[in-house]
Structures are given as C-alpha cells and as structure tokens.
Amino acid sequence: MAAFDTTRTTYASAGIANRITSLVSASVAALVAWNDARVTRNALSALSDRELEDIGLCRGDIDSVAEGSMLS
C-alpha cells in the first residue's frame, strides 16, 4: 500500500514574515535612535556657552554627544 503525504509546510511564508518583522523592528529602532539624538541635540543647544563649559563641552561637541560617538 502506498502512502501519500498531504501535509504542507509553511517554511517560506514563515521566513518572509520573520524578515518583515525584523525590517519593521529595525526601522522602529532607527526612528527611536534618531529621536533620542534630536532631543539631546536640542537640549544641549539650549544651554549657554558657560553651562556647556561647566559640563566639559563646547558647541562643537554637541553633534558627537548626540550621536553617541564621543567617548567619556
């Protein structure tokens, strides 16, 4: 007697769903990082030169601090 398997796997659709989910997650993470940098840049830009000097920064350091590329 021969047997015929009629079950279907959905590996391809699960892979596509995972890729779409990871793309959306990466997009949301990039948006959150951009907004955090924007808020930080605006807050530091609102400080006076004296206040920036008090925390060890100058106006030229604001972008580096906002992007998180400045080492402590």
PDB file of N, CA and C in Angstrom:
ATOM      1  N   MET A   1       0.837  -1.161   0.000  1.00  0.00           N
ATOM      2  CA  MET A   1       0.000   0.000   0.000  1.00  0.00           C
ATOM      3  C   MET A   1       0.893   1.238   0.000  1.00  0.00           C
ATOM      4  N   ALA A   2       0.573   2.196  -0.803  1.00  0.00           N
ATOM      5  CA  ALA A   2       1.345   3.418  -0.914  1.00  0.00           C
ATOM      6  C   ALA A   2       0.722   4.489  -0.027  1.00  0.00           C
ATOM      7  N   ALA A   3       1.569   5.317   0.502  1.00  0.00           N
ATOM      8  CA  ALA A   3       1.096   6.413   1.346  1.00  0.00           C
ATOM      9  C   ALA A   3       1.418   7.728   0.642  1.00  0.00           C
ATOM     10  N   PHE A   4       0.518   8.638   0.745  1.00  0.00           N
ATOM     11  CA  PHE A   4       0.701   9.939   0.121  1.00  0.00           C
ATOM     12  C   PHE A   4       0.582  10.998   1.206  1.00  0.00           C
ATOM     13  N   ASP A   5       1.650  11.759   1.388  1.00  0.00           N
ATOM     14  CA  ASP A   5       1.679  12.785   2.433  1.00  0.00           C
ATOM     15  C   ASP A   5       1.034  14.063   1.903  1.00  0.00           C
ATOM     16  N   THR A   6      -0.011  14.507   2.558  1.00  0.00           N
ATOM     17  CA  THR A   6      -0.713  15.716   2.113  1.00  0.00           C
ATOM     18  C   THR A   6      -0.478  16.908   3.017  1.00  0.00           C
ATOM     19  N   THR A   7       0.408  16.772   3.979  1.00  0.00           N
ATOM     20  CA  THR A   7       0.683  17.916   4.860  1.00  0.00           C
ATOM     21  C   THR A   7       1.593  18.889   4.126  1.00  0.00           C
ATOM     22  N   ARG A   8       1.381  20.151   4.364  1.00  0.00           N
ATOM     23  CA  ARG A   8       2.190  21.188   3.719  1.00  0.00           C
ATOM     24  C   ARG A   8       2.921  21.987   4.781  1.00  0.00           C
ATOM     25  N   THR A   9       4.126  22.272   4.503  1.00  0.00           N
ATOM     26  CA  THR A   9       4.902  23.103   5.414  1.00  0.00           C
ATOM     27  C   THR A   9       4.841  24.545   4.950  1.00  0.00           C
ATOM     28  N   THR A  10       5.001  25.452   5.880  1.00  0.00           N
ATOM     29  CA  THR A  10       4.946  26.878   5.551  1.00  0.00           C
ATOM     30  C   THR A  10       6.285  27.535   5.850  1.00  0.00           C
ATOM     31  N   TYR A  11       7.356  26.868   5.547  1.00  0.00           N
ATOM     32  CA  TYR A  11       8.674  27.427   5.850  1.00  0.00           C
ATOM     33  C   TYR A  11       8.912  28.733   5.108  1.00  0.00           C
ATOM     34  N   ALA A  12       8.551  28.801   3.867  1.00  0.00           N
ATOM     35  CA  ALA A  12       8.808  30.015   3.091  1.00  0.00           C
ATOM     36  C   ALA A  12       8.015  31.200   3.640  1.00  0.00           C
ATOM     37  N   SER A  13       6.757  30.997   3.976  1.00  0.00           N
ATOM     38  CA  SER A  13       5.968  32.119   4.479  1.00  0.00           C
ATOM     39  C   SER A  13       6.433  32.550   5.862  1.00  0.00           C
ATOM     40  N   ALA A  14       6.911  31.608   6.674  1.00  0.00           N
ATOM     41  CA  ALA A  14       7.437  31.973   7.992  1.00  0.00           C
ATOM     42  C   ALA A  14       8.719  32.783   7.833  1.00  0.00           C
ATOM     43  N   GLY A  15       9.535  32.438   6.864  1.00  0.00           N
ATOM     44  CA  GLY A  15      10.762  33.189   6.612  1.00  0.00           C
ATOM     45  C   GLY A  15      10.473  34.610   6.176  1.00  0.00           C
ATOM     46  N   ILE A  16       9.481  34.777   5.330  1.00  0.00           N
ATOM     47  CA  ILE A  16       9.107  36.109   4.863  1.00  0.00           C
ATOM     48  C   ILE A  16       8.542  36.929   6.026  1.00  0.00           C
ATOM     49  N   ALA A  17       7.718  36.302   6.839  1.00  0.00           N
ATOM     50  CA  ALA A  17       7.149  37.008   7.997  1.00  0.00           C
ATOM     51  C   ALA A  17       8.255  37.448   8.953  1.00  0.00           C
ATOM     52  N   ASN A  18       9.247  36.604   9.171  1.00  0.00           N
ATOM     53  CA  ASN A  18      10.364  36.972  10.053  1.00  0.00           C
ATOM     54  C   ASN A  18      11.165  38.128   9.466  1.00  0.00           C
ATOM     55  N   ARG A  19      11.371  38.118   8.163  1.00  0.00           N
ATOM     56  CA  ARG A  19      12.116  39.207   7.532  1.00  0.00           C
ATOM     57  C   ARG A  19      11.347  40.519   7.614  1.00  0.00           C
ATOM     58  N   ILE A  20      10.047  40.461   7.416  1.00  0.00           N
ATOM     59  CA  ILE A  20       9.236  41.678   7.512  1.00  0.00           C
ATOM     60  C   ILE A  20       9.246  42.197   8.942  1.00  0.00           C
ATOM     61  N   THR A  21       9.109  41.293   9.914  1.00  0.00           N
ATOM     62  CA  THR A  21       9.133  41.691  11.326  1.00  0.00           C
ATOM     63  C   THR A  21      10.470  42.310  11.693  1.00  0.00           C
ATOM     64  N   SER A  22      11.562  41.730  11.233  1.00  0.00           N
ATOM     65  CA  SER A  22      12.870  42.288  11.560  1.00  0.00           C
ATOM     66  C   SER A  22      13.088  43.634  10.869  1.00  0.00           C
ATOM     67  N   LEU A  23      12.555  43.797   9.667  1.00  0.00           N
ATOM     68  CA  LEU A  23      12.654  45.075   8.969  1.00  0.00           C
ATOM     69  C   LEU A  23      11.883  46.158   9.722  1.00  0.00           C
ATOM     70  N   VAL A  24      10.692  45.832  10.179  1.00  0.00           N
ATOM     71  CA  VAL A  24       9.889  46.797  10.941  1.00  0.00           C
ATOM     72  C   VAL A  24      10.588  47.124  12.262  1.00  0.00           C
ATOM     73  N   SER A  25      11.126  46.108  12.926  1.00  0.00           N
ATOM     74  CA  SER A  25      11.830  46.334  14.195  1.00  0.00           C
ATOM     75  C   SER A  25      13.049  47.224  14.002  1.00  0.00           C
ATOM     76  N   ALA A  26      13.801  46.976  12.948  1.00  0.00           N
ATOM     77  CA  ALA A  26      14.984  47.793  12.672  1.00  0.00           C
ATOM     78  C   ALA A  26      14.582  49.228  12.344  1.00  0.00           C
ATOM     79  N   SER A  27      13.488  49.396  11.625  1.00  0.00           N
ATOM     80  CA  SER A  27      13.014  50.741  11.287  1.00  0.00           C
ATOM     81  C   SER A  27      12.577  51.503  12.534  1.00  0.00           C
ATOM     82  N   VAL A  28      11.869  50.832  13.418  1.00  0.00           N
ATOM     83  CA  VAL A  28      11.426  51.467  14.664  1.00  0.00           C
ATOM     84  C   VAL A  28      12.634  51.832  15.522  1.00  0.00           C
ATOM     85  N   ALA A  29      13.616  50.934  15.599  1.00  0.00           N
ATOM     86  CA  ALA A  29      14.820  51.209  16.391  1.00  0.00           C
ATOM     87  C   ALA A  29      15.580  52.402  15.828  1.00  0.00           C
ATOM     88  N   ALA A  30      15.669  52.506  14.510  1.00  0.00           N
ATOM     89  CA  ALA A  30      16.351  53.642  13.893  1.00  0.00           C
ATOM     90  C   ALA A  30      15.600  54.944  14.171  1.00  0.00           C
ATOM     91  N   LEU A  31      14.287  54.895  14.134  1.00  0.00           N
ATOM     92  CA  LEU A  31      13.471  56.078  14.420  1.00  0.00           C
ATOM     93  C   LEU A  31      13.646  56.514  15.875  1.00  0.00           C
ATOM     94  N   VAL A  32      13.673  55.582  16.788  1.00  0.00           N
ATOM     95  CA  VAL A  32      13.858  55.900  18.212  1.00  0.00           C
ATOM     96  C   VAL A  32      15.244  56.508  18.440  1.00  0.00           C
ATOM     97  N   ALA A  33      16.273  55.932  17.819  1.00  0.00           N
ATOM     98  CA  ALA A  33      17.635  56.463  17.968  1.00  0.00           C
ATOM     99  C   ALA A  33      17.739  57.875  17.402  1.00  0.00           C
ATOM    100  N   TRP A  34      17.111  58.105  16.244  1.00  0.00           N
ATOM    101  CA  TRP A  34      17.121  59.437  15.643  1.00  0.00           C
ATOM    102  C   TRP A  34      16.438  60.454  16.567  1.00  0.00           C
ATOM    103  N   ASN A  35      15.303  60.065  17.139  1.00  0.00           N
ATOM    104  CA  ASN A  35      14.576  60.984  18.023  1.00  0.00           C
ATOM    105  C   ASN A  35      15.372  61.269  19.292  1.00  0.00           C
ATOM    106  N   ASP A  36      16.016  60.262  19.855  1.00  0.00           N
ATOM    107  CA  ASP A  36      16.846  60.487  21.047  1.00  0.00           C
ATOM    108  C   ASP A  36      17.974  61.464  20.746  1.00  0.00           C
ATOM    109  N   ALA A  37      18.615  61.300  19.596  1.00  0.00           N
ATOM    110  CA  ALA A  37      19.701  62.211  19.214  1.00  0.00           C
ATOM    111  C   ALA A  37      19.165  63.622  19.003  1.00  0.00           C
ATOM    112  N   ARG A  38      17.983  63.744  18.414  1.00  0.00           N
ATOM    113  CA  ARG A  38      17.370  65.054  18.183  1.00  0.00           C
ATOM    114  C   ARG A  38      17.067  65.760  19.500  1.00  0.00           C
ATOM    115  N   VAL A  39      16.500  65.021  20.449  1.00  0.00           N
ATOM    116  CA  VAL A  39      16.161  65.601  21.755  1.00  0.00           C
ATOM    117  C   VAL A  39      17.432  66.030  22.490  1.00  0.00           C
ATOM    118  N   THR A  40      18.454  65.192  22.451  1.00  0.00           N
ATOM    119  CA  THR A  40      19.721  65.525  23.105  1.00  0.00           C
ATOM    120  C   THR A  40      20.354  66.749  22.470  1.00  0.00           C
ATOM    121  N   ARG A  41      20.359  66.794  21.132  1.00  0.00           N
ATOM    122  CA  ARG A  41      20.935  67.934  20.416  1.00  0.00           C
ATOM    123  C   ARG A  41      20.191  69.226  20.772  1.00  0.00           C
ATOM    124  N   ASN A  42      18.883  69.172  20.827  1.00  0.00           N
ATOM    125  CA  ASN A  42      18.102  70.368  21.165  1.00  0.00           C
ATOM    126  C   ASN A  42      18.347  70.819  22.603  1.00  0.00           C
ATOM    127  N   ALA A  43      18.437  69.866  23.525  1.00  0.00           N
ATOM    128  CA  ALA A  43      18.669  70.219  24.933  1.00  0.00           C
ATOM    129  C   ALA A  43      20.049  70.849  25.114  1.00  0.00           C
ATOM    130  N   LEU A  44      21.063  70.281  24.470  1.00  0.00           N
ATOM    131  CA  LEU A  44      22.408  70.843  24.610  1.00  0.00           C
ATOM    132  C   LEU A  44      22.529  72.184  23.896  1.00  0.00           C
ATOM    133  N   SER A  45      21.855  72.333  22.786  1.00  0.00           N
ATOM    134  CA  SER A  45      21.907  73.605  22.057  1.00  0.00           C
ATOM    135  C   SER A  45      21.253  74.738  22.840  1.00  0.00           C
ATOM    136  N   ALA A  46      20.332  74.406  23.710  1.00  0.00           N
ATOM    137  CA  ALA A  46      19.642  75.423  24.514  1.00  0.00           C
ATOM    138  C   ALA A  46      20.515  75.938  25.658  1.00  0.00           C
ATOM    139  N   LEU A  47      21.592  75.231  25.971  1.00  0.00           N
ATOM    140  CA  LEU A  47      22.468  75.665  27.057  1.00  0.00           C
ATOM    141  C   LEU A  47      23.363  76.810  26.599  1.00  0.00           C
ATOM    142  N   SER A  48      23.765  77.627  27.558  1.00  0.00           N
ATOM    143  CA  SER A  48      24.695  78.714  27.252  1.00  0.00           C
ATOM    144  C   SER A  48      26.111  78.144  27.135  1.00  0.00           C
ATOM    145  N   ASP A  49      27.015  78.963  26.591  1.00  0.00           N
ATOM    146  CA  ASP A  49      28.404  78.513  26.481  1.00  0.00           C
ATOM    147  C   ASP A  49      28.993  78.219  27.858  1.00  0.00           C
ATOM    148  N   ARG A  50      28.622  78.999  28.842  1.00  0.00           N
ATOM    149  CA  ARG A  50      29.111  78.803  30.209  1.00  0.00           C
ATOM    150  C   ARG A  50      28.613  77.463  30.779  1.00  0.00           C
ATOM    151  N   GLU A  51      27.351  77.165  30.542  1.00  0.00           N
ATOM    152  CA  GLU A  51      26.793  75.898  31.033  1.00  0.00           C
ATOM    153  C   GLU A  51      27.439  74.707  30.335  1.00  0.00           C
ATOM    154  N   LEU A  52      27.680  74.835  29.042  1.00  0.00           N
ATOM    155  CA  LEU A  52      28.370  73.765  28.323  1.00  0.00           C
ATOM    156  C   LEU A  52      29.782  73.570  28.861  1.00  0.00           C
ATOM    157  N   GLU A  53      30.456  74.672  29.145  1.00  0.00           N
ATOM    158  CA  GLU A  53      31.816  74.590  29.691  1.00  0.00           C
ATOM    159  C   GLU A  53      31.803  73.915  31.065  1.00  0.00           C
ATOM    160  N   ASP A  54      30.773  74.172  31.846  1.00  0.00           N
ATOM    161  CA  ASP A  54      30.657  73.550  33.168  1.00  0.00           C
ATOM    162  C   ASP A  54      30.582  72.023  33.089  1.00  0.00           C
ATOM    163  N   ILE A  55      30.003  71.509  32.020  1.00  0.00           N
ATOM    164  CA  ILE A  55      29.915  70.050  31.885  1.00  0.00           C
ATOM    165  C   ILE A  55      31.005  69.490  30.969  1.00  0.00           C
ATOM    166  N   GLY A  56      31.962  70.350  30.617  1.00  0.00           N
ATOM    167  CA  GLY A  56      33.119  69.896  29.855  1.00  0.00           C
ATOM    168  C   GLY A  56      32.892  69.771  28.363  1.00  0.00           C
ATOM    169  N   LEU A  57      31.986  70.561  27.824  1.00  0.00           N
ATOM    170  CA  LEU A  57      31.704  70.512  26.395  1.00  0.00           C
ATOM    171  C   LEU A  57      31.841  71.889  25.772  1.00  0.00           C
ATOM    172  N   CYS A  58      31.964  71.893  24.456  1.00  0.00           N
ATOM    173  CA  CYS A  58      31.870  73.133  23.702  1.00  0.00           C
ATOM    174  C   CYS A  58      30.820  72.917  22.615  1.00  0.00           C
ATOM    175  N   ARG A  59      30.439  73.967  21.918  1.00  0.00           N
ATOM    176  CA  ARG A  59      29.388  73.855  20.905  1.00  0.00           C
ATOM    177  C   ARG A  59      29.729  72.818  19.837  1.00  0.00           C
ATOM    178  N   GLY A  60      31.006  72.673  19.530  1.00  0.00           N
ATOM    179  CA  GLY A  60      31.424  71.714  18.515  1.00  0.00           C
ATOM    180  C   GLY A  60      31.247  70.265  18.933  1.00  0.00           C
ATOM    181  N   ASP A  61      31.072  70.013  20.232  1.00  0.00           N
ATOM    182  CA  ASP A  61      30.911  68.644  20.737  1.00  0.00           C
ATOM    183  C   ASP A  61      29.462  68.161  20.711  1.00  0.00           C
ATOM    184  N   ILE A  62      28.525  69.038  20.471  1.00  0.00           N
ATOM    185  CA  ILE A  62      27.106  68.694  20.591  1.00  0.00           C
ATOM    186  C   ILE A  62      26.720  67.565  19.652  1.00  0.00           C
ATOM    187  N   ASP A  63      27.118  67.630  18.393  1.00  0.00           N
ATOM    188  CA  ASP A  63      26.751  66.569  17.449  1.00  0.00           C
ATOM    189  C   ASP A  63      27.362  65.234  17.853  1.00  0.00           C
ATOM    190  N   SER A  64      28.609  65.243  18.312  1.00  0.00           N
ATOM    191  CA  SER A  64      29.247  63.997  18.735  1.00  0.00           C
ATOM    192  C   SER A  64      28.535  63.379  19.924  1.00  0.00           C
ATOM    193  N   VAL A  65      28.145  64.195  20.867  1.00  0.00           N
ATOM    194  CA  VAL A  65      27.443  63.700  22.048  1.00  0.00           C
ATOM    195  C   VAL A  65      26.069  63.175  21.660  1.00  0.00           C
ATOM    196  N   ALA A  66      25.368  63.896  20.803  1.00  0.00           N
ATOM    197  CA  ALA A  66      24.022  63.496  20.394  1.00  0.00           C
ATOM    198  C   ALA A  66      24.026  62.164  19.641  1.00  0.00           C
ATOM    199  N   GLU A  67      25.043  61.946  18.835  1.00  0.00           N
ATOM    200  CA  GLU A  67      25.131  60.691  18.080  1.00  0.00           C
ATOM    201  C   GLU A  67      25.761  59.565  18.897  1.00  0.00           C
ATOM    202  N   GLY A  68      26.253  59.900  20.079  1.00  0.00           N
ATOM    203  CA  GLY A  68      26.828  58.872  20.948  1.00  0.00           C
ATOM    204  C   GLY A  68      28.225  58.436  20.544  1.00  0.00           C
ATOM    205  N   SER A  69      28.876  59.215  19.696  1.00  0.00           N
ATOM    206  CA  SER A  69      30.205  58.822  19.228  1.00  0.00           C
ATOM    207  C   SER A  69      31.332  59.409  20.077  1.00  0.00           C
ATOM    208  N   MET A  70      30.988  60.202  21.066  1.00  0.00           N
ATOM    209  CA  MET A  70      32.009  60.807  21.918  1.00  0.00           C
ATOM    210  C   MET A  70      32.310  59.870  23.085  1.00  0.00           C
ATOM    211  N   LEU A  71      33.575  59.546  23.260  1.00  0.00           N
ATOM    212  CA  LEU A  71      33.987  58.671  24.358  1.00  0.00           C
ATOM    213  C   LEU A  71      34.121  59.466  25.637  1.00  0.00           C
ATOM    214  N   SER A  72      33.870  58.801  26.763  1.00  0.00           N
ATOM    215  CA  SER A  72      33.952  59.521  28.032  1.00  0.00           C
ATOM    216  C   SER A  72      35.326  59.647  28.542  1.00  0.00           C
TER     217      SER A  72
END
